[in-house]
Amino acid sequence: MQKNTFILAEAAALLRCHTETLRKAILEGRLPAARIGRSYRISRVEIQKFWRDAGGGELFDKDEEADGAVQTPDRSEKKKIGPSKPEAEGPRQLNLPLT
């Protein structure tokens, strides 16, 4: 299930910027957000649009952006049943003949 709204701190972490940077963009009207109590909620669409306008690329996969899209696991790979692959061992000691 995809997350559709983000609090200010989550959006800042997603964009890797400071919360005050986003708060300033909200107050200037460059980033639309809903104010609930003393905090802001920012929609996924608005975050993506803000990021693109700032010169960034795609933040979310196209599959995630489509409404109602549910990611399904790839069923082409079969699960292996049985013992797992043995773990790699460290280097072995080389025994040289004594002469």
Protein backbone atom coordinates (compact mmCIF):
# COMPACT_ATOMS: atom_id res chain seq x y z
CA MET A 1 0.00 0.00 0.00
CA GLN A 2 1.37 3.37 -0.94
CA LYS A 3 1.52 6.36 1.33
CA ASN A 4 -0.47 9.30 -0.08
CA THR A 5 0.26 12.04 2.44
CA PHE A 6 3.39 12.95 4.33
CA ILE A 7 4.05 15.08 7.38
CA LEU A 8 6.67 17.80 7.02
CA ALA A 9 9.48 15.73 8.54
CA GLU A 10 8.74 12.74 6.28
CA ALA A 11 8.68 14.94 3.17
CA ALA A 12 11.95 16.59 4.20
CA ALA A 13 13.57 13.18 4.72
CA LEU A 14 12.29 12.03 1.33
CA LEU A 15 13.71 15.09 -0.41
CA ARG A 16 16.81 15.11 1.82
CA CYS A 17 16.40 18.70 2.86
CA HIS A 18 15.69 20.58 6.07
CA THR A 19 12.12 20.90 7.34
CA GLU A 20 12.48 24.69 7.37
CA THR A 21 13.20 24.63 3.63
CA LEU A 22 9.84 22.98 3.02
CA ARG A 23 8.06 25.17 5.57
CA LYS A 24 9.37 28.25 3.76
CA ALA A 25 8.21 26.84 0.39
CA ILE A 26 4.74 26.23 1.88
CA LEU A 27 4.52 29.76 3.28
CA GLU A 28 5.66 31.24 -0.06
CA GLY A 29 3.01 29.20 -1.89
CA ARG A 30 5.45 27.09 -3.92
CA LEU A 31 4.42 23.87 -2.15
CA PRO A 32 0.70 23.37 -1.47
CA ALA A 33 -0.01 21.70 1.86
CA ALA A 34 -2.90 21.23 4.26
CA ARG A 35 -2.51 22.60 7.75
CA ILE A 36 -3.95 20.36 10.44
CA GLY A 37 -3.51 21.78 13.90
CA ARG A 38 0.08 22.94 14.16
CA SER A 39 1.44 20.59 11.48
CA TYR A 40 1.31 20.29 7.71
CA ARG A 41 0.28 17.39 5.49
CA ILE A 42 1.67 17.29 1.97
CA SER A 43 0.29 15.04 -0.76
CA ARG A 44 2.43 12.67 -2.78
CA VAL A 45 1.45 14.45 -6.00
CA GLU A 46 2.47 17.87 -4.66
CA ILE A 47 5.83 16.57 -3.41
CA GLN A 48 6.56 15.06 -6.83
CA LYS A 49 5.49 18.27 -8.61
CA PHE A 50 7.60 20.43 -6.26
CA TRP A 51 10.60 18.17 -6.82
CA ARG A 52 10.22 18.27 -10.63
CA ASP A 53 9.83 22.07 -10.60
CA ALA A 54 13.07 22.30 -8.61
CA GLY A 55 14.87 20.34 -11.33
CA GLY A 56 14.67 16.87 -9.83
CA GLY A 57 13.61 13.66 -11.52
CA GLU A 58 11.09 11.03 -10.52
CA LEU A 59 10.76 10.41 -6.79
CA PHE A 60 8.35 7.52 -6.99
CA ASP A 61 8.06 4.54 -9.32
CA LYS A 62 5.45 4.86 -12.03
CA ASP A 63 3.72 1.78 -10.55
CA GLU A 64 3.34 3.60 -7.23
CA GLU A 65 1.94 6.78 -8.80
CA ALA A 66 -0.92 5.09 -10.64
CA ASP A 67 -4.13 5.21 -8.66
CA GLY A 68 -5.10 1.86 -7.26
CA ALA A 69 -1.94 0.18 -8.47
CA VAL A 70 -0.88 -2.71 -6.33
CA GLN A 71 2.58 -4.11 -6.66
CA THR A 72 2.56 -7.83 -7.17
CA PRO A 73 5.55 -10.04 -6.54
CA ASP A 74 7.32 -11.55 -9.53
CA ARG A 75 6.12 -15.12 -9.76
CA SER A 76 8.60 -16.16 -12.43
CA GLU A 77 11.13 -17.22 -9.80
CA LYS A 78 10.39 -20.42 -7.94
CA LYS A 79 11.20 -20.75 -4.29
CA LYS A 80 13.93 -23.23 -3.55
CA ILE A 81 13.02 -25.84 -1.00
CA GLY A 82 15.70 -27.68 0.87
CA PRO A 83 19.00 -26.83 2.48
CA SER A 84 20.34 -23.40 1.83
CA LYS A 85 23.66 -22.70 0.18
CA PRO A 86 26.53 -23.18 2.63
CA GLU A 87 28.11 -20.01 3.86
CA ALA A 88 31.48 -19.03 2.45
CA GLU A 89 34.45 -20.07 4.51
CA GLY A 90 37.49 -17.98 5.22
CA PRO A 91 40.90 -18.65 3.68
CA ARG A 92 42.34 -22.09 4.34
CA GLN A 93 45.79 -22.59 5.69
CA LEU A 94 48.35 -23.85 3.19
CA ASN A 95 50.50 -26.65 4.57
CA LEU A 96 53.91 -26.82 2.92
CA PRO A 97 56.03 -29.97 3.12
CA LEU A 98 58.94 -29.75 5.55
CA THR A 99 62.32 -30.49 3.95
